[in-house]
Amino acid sequence: VGFLIVQDIVVVLVMILLTAFGTAGQGDNLVA
């Protein structure tokens, strides 16, 4: 359960990254 929760947190970050790349595509916006 512990490492599955870690995975859930990682997948949230991955989706945020992909959405940021897809909509903004700018490094500054990604860091923000």
PDB file of all heavy atoms in Angstrom:
ATOM      1  N   VAL A   1       0.834  -1.198   0.000  1.00  0.00           N
ATOM      2  CA  VAL A   1       0.000   0.000   0.000  1.00  0.00           C
ATOM      3  C   VAL A   1       0.869   1.247   0.000  1.00  0.00           C
ATOM      4  O   VAL A   1       0.580   2.232  -0.699  1.00  0.00           O
ATOM      5  CB  VAL A   1      -0.942   0.001   1.220  1.00  0.00           C
ATOM      6  CG1 VAL A   1      -1.643   1.358   1.359  1.00  0.00           C
ATOM      7  CG2 VAL A   1      -1.976  -1.105   1.093  1.00  0.00           C
ATOM      8  N   GLY A   2       1.972   1.204   0.741  1.00  0.00           N
ATOM      9  CA  GLY A   2       2.880   2.348   0.784  1.00  0.00           C
ATOM     10  C   GLY A   2       3.453   2.702  -0.569  1.00  0.00           C
ATOM     11  O   GLY A   2       3.386   3.860  -1.003  1.00  0.00           O
ATOM     12  N   PHE A   3       4.004   1.692  -1.283  1.00  0.00           N
ATOM     13  CA  PHE A   3       4.610   2.070  -2.569  1.00  0.00           C
ATOM     14  C   PHE A   3       3.565   2.285  -3.665  1.00  0.00           C
ATOM     15  O   PHE A   3       3.833   2.955  -4.659  1.00  0.00           O
ATOM     16  CB  PHE A   3       5.741   1.119  -3.012  1.00  0.00           C
ATOM     17  CG  PHE A   3       5.396  -0.328  -3.235  1.00  0.00           C
ATOM     18  CD1 PHE A   3       4.506  -0.725  -4.203  1.00  0.00           C
ATOM     19  CD2 PHE A   3       6.040  -1.310  -2.502  1.00  0.00           C
ATOM     20  CE1 PHE A   3       4.234  -2.059  -4.428  1.00  0.00           C
ATOM     21  CE2 PHE A   3       5.780  -2.651  -2.710  1.00  0.00           C
ATOM     22  CZ  PHE A   3       4.867  -3.024  -3.684  1.00  0.00           C
ATOM     23  N   LEU A   4       2.356   1.766  -3.491  1.00  0.00           N
ATOM     24  CA  LEU A   4       1.297   2.093  -4.441  1.00  0.00           C
ATOM     25  C   LEU A   4       0.850   3.547  -4.285  1.00  0.00           C
ATOM     26  O   LEU A   4       0.541   4.224  -5.275  1.00  0.00           O
ATOM     27  CB  LEU A   4       0.104   1.153  -4.242  1.00  0.00           C
ATOM     28  CG  LEU A   4       0.329  -0.302  -4.694  1.00  0.00           C
ATOM     29  CD1 LEU A   4      -0.837  -1.170  -4.264  1.00  0.00           C
ATOM     30  CD2 LEU A   4       0.530  -0.389  -6.195  1.00  0.00           C
ATOM     31  N   ILE A   5       0.827   4.038  -3.048  1.00  0.00           N
ATOM     32  CA  ILE A   5       0.517   5.453  -2.827  1.00  0.00           C
ATOM     33  C   ILE A   5       1.620   6.330  -3.425  1.00  0.00           C
ATOM     34  O   ILE A   5       1.353   7.382  -4.018  1.00  0.00           O
ATOM     35  CB  ILE A   5       0.344   5.742  -1.324  1.00  0.00           C
ATOM     36  CG1 ILE A   5      -0.920   5.045  -0.797  1.00  0.00           C
ATOM     37  CG2 ILE A   5       0.265   7.237  -1.067  1.00  0.00           C
ATOM     38  CD1 ILE A   5      -2.209   5.517  -1.416  1.00  0.00           C
ATOM     39  N   VAL A   6       2.884   5.895  -3.282  1.00  0.00           N
ATOM     40  CA  VAL A   6       3.992   6.625  -3.918  1.00  0.00           C
ATOM     41  C   VAL A   6       3.774   6.684  -5.427  1.00  0.00           C
ATOM     42  O   VAL A   6       3.960   7.728  -6.065  1.00  0.00           O
ATOM     43  CB  VAL A   6       5.344   5.947  -3.584  1.00  0.00           C
ATOM     44  CG1 VAL A   6       6.467   6.556  -4.431  1.00  0.00           C
ATOM     45  CG2 VAL A   6       5.667   6.093  -2.107  1.00  0.00           C
ATOM     46  N   GLN A   7       3.372   5.566  -6.026  1.00  0.00           N
ATOM     47  CA  GLN A   7       3.077   5.543  -7.456  1.00  0.00           C
ATOM     48  C   GLN A   7       1.958   6.519  -7.808  1.00  0.00           C
ATOM     49  O   GLN A   7       2.031   7.215  -8.832  1.00  0.00           O
ATOM     50  CB  GLN A   7       2.676   4.137  -7.890  1.00  0.00           C
ATOM     51  CG  GLN A   7       3.805   3.146  -7.975  1.00  0.00           C
ATOM     52  CD  GLN A   7       3.339   1.815  -8.554  1.00  0.00           C
ATOM     53  OE1 GLN A   7       2.179   1.657  -8.930  1.00  0.00           O
ATOM     54  NE2 GLN A   7       4.238   0.859  -8.621  1.00  0.00           N
ATOM     55  N   ASP A   8       0.910   6.572  -6.986  1.00  0.00           N
ATOM     56  CA  ASP A   8      -0.202   7.480  -7.261  1.00  0.00           C
ATOM     57  C   ASP A   8       0.267   8.934  -7.280  1.00  0.00           C
ATOM     58  O   ASP A   8      -0.181   9.737  -8.113  1.00  0.00           O
ATOM     59  CB  ASP A   8      -1.302   7.308  -6.203  1.00  0.00           C
ATOM     60  CG  ASP A   8      -2.094   6.019  -6.404  1.00  0.00           C
ATOM     61  OD1 ASP A   8      -1.958   5.403  -7.479  1.00  0.00           O
ATOM     62  OD2 ASP A   8      -2.833   5.627  -5.484  1.00  0.00           O
ATOM     63  N   ILE A   9       1.159   9.263  -6.351  1.00  0.00           N
ATOM     64  CA  ILE A   9       1.686  10.628  -6.318  1.00  0.00           C
ATOM     65  C   ILE A   9       2.520  10.905  -7.568  1.00  0.00           C
ATOM     66  O   ILE A   9       2.425  11.975  -8.183  1.00  0.00           O
ATOM     67  CB  ILE A   9       2.524  10.845  -5.044  1.00  0.00           C
ATOM     68  CG1 ILE A   9       1.624  10.747  -3.805  1.00  0.00           C
ATOM     69  CG2 ILE A   9       3.235  12.192  -5.076  1.00  0.00           C
ATOM     70  CD1 ILE A   9       2.378  10.744  -2.490  1.00  0.00           C
ATOM     71  N   VAL A  10       3.319   9.922  -7.985  1.00  0.00           N
ATOM     72  CA  VAL A  10       4.143  10.090  -9.186  1.00  0.00           C
ATOM     73  C   VAL A  10       3.272  10.269 -10.424  1.00  0.00           C
ATOM     74  O   VAL A  10       3.560  11.113 -11.288  1.00  0.00           O
ATOM     75  CB  VAL A  10       5.093   8.887  -9.360  1.00  0.00           C
ATOM     76  CG1 VAL A  10       5.805   8.955 -10.705  1.00  0.00           C
ATOM     77  CG2 VAL A  10       6.114   8.844  -8.231  1.00  0.00           C
ATOM     78  N   VAL A  11       2.187   9.489 -10.533  1.00  0.00           N
ATOM     79  CA  VAL A  11       1.346   9.592 -11.731  1.00  0.00           C
ATOM     80  C   VAL A  11       0.676  10.963 -11.802  1.00  0.00           C
ATOM     81  O   VAL A  11       0.489  11.513 -12.894  1.00  0.00           O
ATOM     82  CB  VAL A  11       0.294   8.458 -11.773  1.00  0.00           C
ATOM     83  CG1 VAL A  11      -0.831   8.692 -10.804  1.00  0.00           C
ATOM     84  CG2 VAL A  11      -0.258   8.288 -13.184  1.00  0.00           C
ATOM     85  N   VAL A  12       0.329  11.525 -10.652  1.00  0.00           N
ATOM     86  CA  VAL A  12      -0.234  12.868 -10.645  1.00  0.00           C
ATOM     87  C   VAL A  12       0.784  13.865 -11.199  1.00  0.00           C
ATOM     88  O   VAL A  12       0.458  14.717 -12.046  1.00  0.00           O
ATOM     89  CB  VAL A  12      -0.660  13.270  -9.217  1.00  0.00           C
ATOM     90  CG1 VAL A  12      -1.027  14.750  -9.161  1.00  0.00           C
ATOM     91  CG2 VAL A  12      -1.842  12.423  -8.769  1.00  0.00           C
ATOM     92  N   LEU A  13       2.037  13.754 -10.744  1.00  0.00           N
ATOM     93  CA  LEU A  13       3.087  14.651 -11.236  1.00  0.00           C
ATOM     94  C   LEU A  13       3.332  14.464 -12.728  1.00  0.00           C
ATOM     95  O   LEU A  13       3.538  15.429 -13.474  1.00  0.00           O
ATOM     96  CB  LEU A  13       4.380  14.407 -10.450  1.00  0.00           C
ATOM     97  CG  LEU A  13       4.336  14.738  -8.955  1.00  0.00           C
ATOM     98  CD1 LEU A  13       5.645  14.374  -8.283  1.00  0.00           C
ATOM     99  CD2 LEU A  13       4.032  16.224  -8.750  1.00  0.00           C
ATOM    100  N   VAL A  14       3.287  13.198 -13.194  1.00  0.00           N
ATOM    101  CA  VAL A  14       3.491  12.923 -14.620  1.00  0.00           C
ATOM    102  C   VAL A  14       2.392  13.568 -15.458  1.00  0.00           C
ATOM    103  O   VAL A  14       2.655  14.177 -16.499  1.00  0.00           O
ATOM    104  CB  VAL A  14       3.542  11.402 -14.873  1.00  0.00           C
ATOM    105  CG1 VAL A  14       3.459  11.096 -16.364  1.00  0.00           C
ATOM    106  CG2 VAL A  14       4.815  10.810 -14.298  1.00  0.00           C
ATOM    107  N   MET A  15       1.149  13.443 -15.007  1.00  0.00           N
ATOM    108  CA  MET A  15       0.042  14.041 -15.753  1.00  0.00           C
ATOM    109  C   MET A  15       0.155  15.559 -15.806  1.00  0.00           C
ATOM    110  O   MET A  15      -0.159  16.185 -16.815  1.00  0.00           O
ATOM    111  CB  MET A  15      -1.291  13.626 -15.118  1.00  0.00           C
ATOM    112  CG  MET A  15      -1.650  12.171 -15.359  1.00  0.00           C
ATOM    113  SD  MET A  15      -3.272  11.765 -14.687  1.00  0.00           S
ATOM    114  CE  MET A  15      -3.382  10.026 -15.138  1.00  0.00           C
ATOM    115  N   ILE A  16       0.604  16.139 -14.696  1.00  0.00           N
ATOM    116  CA  ILE A  16       0.799  17.598 -14.674  1.00  0.00           C
ATOM    117  C   ILE A  16       1.888  17.991 -15.671  1.00  0.00           C
ATOM    118  O   ILE A  16       1.744  18.968 -16.424  1.00  0.00           O
ATOM    119  CB  ILE A  16       1.160  18.066 -13.255  1.00  0.00           C
ATOM    120  CG1 ILE A  16      -0.049  17.881 -12.327  1.00  0.00           C
ATOM    121  CG2 ILE A  16       1.609  19.519 -13.256  1.00  0.00           C
ATOM    122  CD1 ILE A  16       0.275  18.068 -10.867  1.00  0.00           C
ATOM    123  N   LEU A  17       2.981  17.225 -15.691  1.00  0.00           N
ATOM    124  CA  LEU A  17       4.059  17.497 -16.635  1.00  0.00           C
ATOM    125  C   LEU A  17       3.584  17.399 -18.075  1.00  0.00           C
ATOM    126  O   LEU A  17       3.865  18.271 -18.903  1.00  0.00           O
ATOM    127  CB  LEU A  17       5.221  16.513 -16.405  1.00  0.00           C
ATOM    128  CG  LEU A  17       6.137  16.792 -15.214  1.00  0.00           C
ATOM    129  CD1 LEU A  17       7.057  15.594 -14.981  1.00  0.00           C
ATOM    130  CD2 LEU A  17       6.971  18.043 -15.480  1.00  0.00           C
ATOM    131  N   LEU A  18       2.850  16.336 -18.389  1.00  0.00           N
ATOM    132  CA  LEU A  18       2.383  16.137 -19.761  1.00  0.00           C
ATOM    133  C   LEU A  18       1.414  17.233 -20.174  1.00  0.00           C
ATOM    134  O   LEU A  18       1.479  17.741 -21.304  1.00  0.00           O
ATOM    135  CB  LEU A  18       1.707  14.766 -19.883  1.00  0.00           C
ATOM    136  CG  LEU A  18       2.643  13.561 -19.756  1.00  0.00           C
ATOM    137  CD1 LEU A  18       1.842  12.265 -19.754  1.00  0.00           C
ATOM    138  CD2 LEU A  18       3.657  13.540 -20.895  1.00  0.00           C
ATOM    139  N   THR A  19       0.528  17.613 -19.263  1.00  0.00           N
ATOM    140  CA  THR A  19      -0.421  18.685 -19.566  1.00  0.00           C
ATOM    141  C   THR A  19       0.307  19.999 -19.782  1.00  0.00           C
ATOM    142  O   THR A  19      -0.023  20.776 -20.692  1.00  0.00           O
ATOM    143  CB  THR A  19      -1.441  18.836 -18.423  1.00  0.00           C
ATOM    144  OG1 THR A  19      -2.096  17.589 -18.216  1.00  0.00           O
ATOM    145  CG2 THR A  19      -2.482  19.896 -18.763  1.00  0.00           C
ATOM    146  N   ALA A  20       1.321  20.256 -18.949  1.00  0.00           N
ATOM    147  CA  ALA A  20       2.096  21.493 -19.087  1.00  0.00           C
ATOM    148  C   ALA A  20       2.835  21.525 -20.413  1.00  0.00           C
ATOM    149  O   ALA A  20       2.858  22.539 -21.115  1.00  0.00           O
ATOM    150  CB  ALA A  20       3.078  21.618 -17.925  1.00  0.00           C
ATOM    151  N   PHE A  21       3.440  20.388 -20.792  1.00  0.00           N
ATOM    152  CA  PHE A  21       4.133  20.313 -22.075  1.00  0.00           C
ATOM    153  C   PHE A  21       3.153  20.497 -23.240  1.00  0.00           C
ATOM    154  O   PHE A  21       3.453  21.142 -24.236  1.00  0.00           O
ATOM    155  CB  PHE A  21       4.834  18.961 -22.229  1.00  0.00           C
ATOM    156  CG  PHE A  21       6.196  18.924 -21.600  1.00  0.00           C
ATOM    157  CD1 PHE A  21       6.507  17.965 -20.655  1.00  0.00           C
ATOM    158  CD2 PHE A  21       7.169  19.846 -21.954  1.00  0.00           C
ATOM    159  CE1 PHE A  21       7.756  17.919 -20.075  1.00  0.00           C
ATOM    160  CE2 PHE A  21       8.426  19.808 -21.376  1.00  0.00           C
ATOM    161  CZ  PHE A  21       8.720  18.839 -20.433  1.00  0.00           C
ATOM    162  N   GLY A  22       1.965  19.915 -23.095  1.00  0.00           N
ATOM    163  CA  GLY A  22       1.006  19.955 -24.189  1.00  0.00           C
ATOM    164  C   GLY A  22       0.356  21.309 -24.371  1.00  0.00           C
ATOM    165  O   GLY A  22       0.012  21.689 -25.482  1.00  0.00           O
ATOM    166  N   THR A  23       0.187  22.054 -23.282  1.00  0.00           N
ATOM    167  CA  THR A  23      -0.515  23.331 -23.370  1.00  0.00           C
ATOM    168  C   THR A  23       0.433  24.523 -23.464  1.00  0.00           C
ATOM    169  O   THR A  23       0.195  25.453 -24.230  1.00  0.00           O
ATOM    170  CB  THR A  23      -1.417  23.528 -22.152  1.00  0.00           C
ATOM    171  OG1 THR A  23      -0.633  23.404 -20.957  1.00  0.00           O
ATOM    172  CG2 THR A  23      -2.503  22.461 -22.115  1.00  0.00           C
ATOM    173  N   ALA A  24       1.493  24.471 -22.682  1.00  0.00           N
ATOM    174  CA  ALA A  24       2.409  25.618 -22.653  1.00  0.00           C
ATOM    175  C   ALA A  24       3.615  25.386 -23.532  1.00  0.00           C
ATOM    176  O   ALA A  24       3.917  26.170 -24.425  1.00  0.00           O
ATOM    177  CB  ALA A  24       2.850  25.893 -21.214  1.00  0.00           C
ATOM    178  N   GLY A  25       4.304  24.259 -23.261  1.00  0.00           N
ATOM    179  CA  GLY A  25       5.504  23.945 -24.032  1.00  0.00           C
ATOM    180  C   GLY A  25       6.682  24.814 -23.685  1.00  0.00           C
ATOM    181  O   GLY A  25       7.710  24.777 -24.349  1.00  0.00           O
ATOM    182  N   GLN A  26       6.597  25.667 -22.661  1.00  0.00           N
ATOM    183  CA  GLN A  26       7.666  26.564 -22.266  1.00  0.00           C
ATOM    184  C   GLN A  26       8.259  26.111 -20.941  1.00  0.00           C
ATOM    185  O   GLN A  26       7.538  25.765 -20.012  1.00  0.00           O
ATOM    186  CB  GLN A  26       7.140  27.995 -22.119  1.00  0.00           C
ATOM    187  CG  GLN A  26       6.544  28.563 -23.403  1.00  0.00           C
ATOM    188  CD  GLN A  26       7.584  28.731 -24.498  1.00  0.00           C
ATOM    189  OE1 GLN A  26       8.734  29.060 -24.198  1.00  0.00           O
ATOM    190  NE2 GLN A  26       7.190  28.522 -25.739  1.00  0.00           N
ATOM    191  N   GLY A  27       9.570  26.105 -20.829  1.00  0.00           N
ATOM    192  CA  GLY A  27      10.246  25.667 -19.623  1.00  0.00           C
ATOM    193  C   GLY A  27       9.873  26.494 -18.407  1.00  0.00           C
ATOM    194  O   GLY A  27       9.665  25.981 -17.322  1.00  0.00           O
ATOM    195  N   ASP A  28       9.741  27.848 -18.602  1.00  0.00           N
ATOM    196  CA  ASP A  28       9.413  28.705 -17.466  1.00  0.00           C
ATOM    197  C   ASP A  28       8.044  28.354 -16.902  1.00  0.00           C
ATOM    198  O   ASP A  28       7.842  28.301 -15.698  1.00  0.00           O
ATOM    199  CB  ASP A  28       9.444  30.178 -17.901  1.00  0.00           C
ATOM    200  CG  ASP A  28      10.861  30.642 -18.243  1.00  0.00           C
ATOM    201  OD1 ASP A  28      11.810  29.968 -17.784  1.00  0.00           O
ATOM    202  OD2 ASP A  28      10.997  31.649 -18.954  1.00  0.00           O
ATOM    203  N   ASN A  29       7.063  28.139 -17.809  1.00  0.00           N
ATOM    204  CA  ASN A  29       5.727  27.784 -17.347  1.00  0.00           C
ATOM    205  C   ASN A  29       5.730  26.447 -16.635  1.00  0.00           C
ATOM    206  O   ASN A  29       4.991  26.240 -15.681  1.00  0.00           O
ATOM    207  CB  ASN A  29       4.759  27.736 -18.533  1.00  0.00           C
ATOM    208  CG  ASN A  29       4.499  29.120 -19.113  1.00  0.00           C
ATOM    209  OD1 ASN A  29       4.655  30.114 -18.428  1.00  0.00           O
ATOM    210  ND2 ASN A  29       4.127  29.161 -20.388  1.00  0.00           N
ATOM    211  N   LEU A  30       6.564  25.505 -17.096  1.00  0.00           N
ATOM    212  CA  LEU A  30       6.628  24.185 -16.483  1.00  0.00           C
ATOM    213  C   LEU A  30       7.147  24.286 -15.054  1.00  0.00           C
ATOM    214  O   LEU A  30       6.589  23.687 -14.132  1.00  0.00           O
ATOM    215  CB  LEU A  30       7.536  23.268 -17.309  1.00  0.00           C
ATOM    216  CG  LEU A  30       7.724  21.849 -16.793  1.00  0.00           C
ATOM    217  CD1 LEU A  30       6.382  21.136 -16.713  1.00  0.00           C
ATOM    218  CD2 LEU A  30       8.684  21.085 -17.703  1.00  0.00           C
ATOM    219  N   VAL A  31       8.208  25.058 -14.862  1.00  0.00           N
ATOM    220  CA  VAL A  31       8.764  25.239 -13.520  1.00  0.00           C
ATOM    221  C   VAL A  31       7.739  25.914 -12.605  1.00  0.00           C
ATOM    222  O   VAL A  31       7.566  25.530 -11.442  1.00  0.00           O
ATOM    223  CB  VAL A  31      10.064  26.071 -13.586  1.00  0.00           C
ATOM    224  CG1 VAL A  31      10.535  26.435 -12.179  1.00  0.00           C
ATOM    225  CG2 VAL A  31      11.142  25.305 -14.330  1.00  0.00           C
ATOM    226  N   ALA A  32       7.030  26.893 -13.131  1.00  0.00           N
ATOM    227  CA  ALA A  32       6.012  27.583 -12.335  1.00  0.00           C
ATOM    228  C   ALA A  32       4.884  26.632 -11.954  1.00  0.00           C
ATOM    229  O   ALA A  32       4.389  26.671 -10.823  1.00  0.00           O
ATOM    230  CB  ALA A  32       5.462  28.777 -13.119  1.00  0.00           C
TER     231      ALA A  32
END
